[in-house]
């Protein structure tokens, strides 16, 4: 998609689906996370880490069945 088509697409999109950008960087997630308290951000990080560890354990269990 060239720049002109992309601009018209973003202008026609509902506000909820627009991507806020700073050059090529999507800053929408930064804004959402910076609105959280440091404690909330630490909890979100712990949640992501726990999820990653559960995925890793599931993959190890799956791979052990095939050995």
Protein backbone atom coordinates (compact mmCIF):
# COMPACT_ATOMS: atom_id res chain seq x y z
CA UNK A 1 0.00 0.00 0.00
CA UNK A 2 1.54 3.33 -0.91
CA UNK A 3 1.51 6.27 1.49
CA UNK A 4 -1.43 8.01 -0.18
CA UNK A 5 -3.74 4.96 0.03
CA UNK A 6 -2.69 4.33 3.61
CA UNK A 7 -3.54 7.90 4.60
CA UNK A 8 -7.01 7.67 3.06
CA UNK A 9 -7.59 4.30 4.75
CA UNK A 10 -6.66 5.72 8.15
CA UNK A 11 -8.88 8.77 7.63
CA UNK A 12 -11.82 6.53 6.72
CA UNK A 13 -11.27 4.10 9.62
CA UNK A 14 -13.29 4.43 12.81
CA UNK A 15 -11.37 6.23 15.56
CA UNK A 16 -11.05 3.01 17.60
CA UNK A 17 -9.07 1.36 14.81
CA UNK A 18 -6.67 4.17 13.99
CA UNK A 19 -3.03 3.60 14.82
CA UNK A 20 -1.32 6.50 16.53
CA UNK A 21 2.17 6.67 15.12
CA UNK A 22 5.29 8.69 15.63
CA UNK A 23 7.04 8.08 12.33
CA UNK A 24 7.21 4.29 12.04
CA UNK A 25 6.73 3.68 15.77
CA UNK A 26 3.28 2.74 17.09
CA UNK A 27 3.05 4.65 20.37
CA UNK A 28 -0.48 3.55 21.33
CA UNK A 29 0.76 0.70 23.55
CA UNK A 30 3.28 3.02 25.18
CA UNK A 31 0.52 5.47 26.05
CA UNK A 32 -1.68 2.72 27.47
CA UNK A 33 1.12 1.28 29.59
CA UNK A 34 2.39 4.64 30.82
CA UNK A 35 -1.14 5.40 32.04
CA UNK A 36 -0.75 2.46 34.44
CA UNK A 37 0.98 2.72 37.77
CA UNK A 38 4.43 1.15 38.12
CA UNK A 39 2.84 -1.62 40.22
CA UNK A 40 0.27 -2.37 37.49
CA UNK A 41 3.05 -2.53 34.89
CA UNK A 42 5.02 -4.94 37.09
CA UNK A 43 1.94 -7.13 37.49
CA UNK A 44 1.39 -7.14 33.70
CA UNK A 45 5.03 -8.13 33.24
CA UNK A 46 4.62 -10.98 35.75
CA UNK A 47 1.49 -12.14 33.90
CA UNK A 48 3.38 -12.19 30.59
CA UNK A 49 6.29 -14.05 32.16
CA UNK A 50 3.99 -16.66 33.73
CA UNK A 51 2.22 -17.13 30.39
CA UNK A 52 5.55 -17.57 28.61
CA UNK A 53 6.71 -20.10 31.17
CA UNK A 54 3.47 -22.08 30.80
CA UNK A 55 3.93 -22.13 27.01
CA UNK A 56 7.52 -23.30 27.40
CA UNK A 57 6.45 -26.08 29.80
CA UNK A 58 3.69 -27.17 27.41
CA UNK A 59 6.16 -27.35 24.51
CA UNK A 60 8.60 -29.40 26.60
CA UNK A 61 5.79 -31.77 27.60
CA UNK A 62 4.66 -32.07 23.97
CA UNK A 63 8.20 -32.69 22.73
CA UNK A 64 8.81 -35.32 25.44
CA UNK A 65 5.86 -37.37 24.08
CA UNK A 66 7.44 -37.53 20.64
CA UNK A 67 10.89 -38.71 21.78
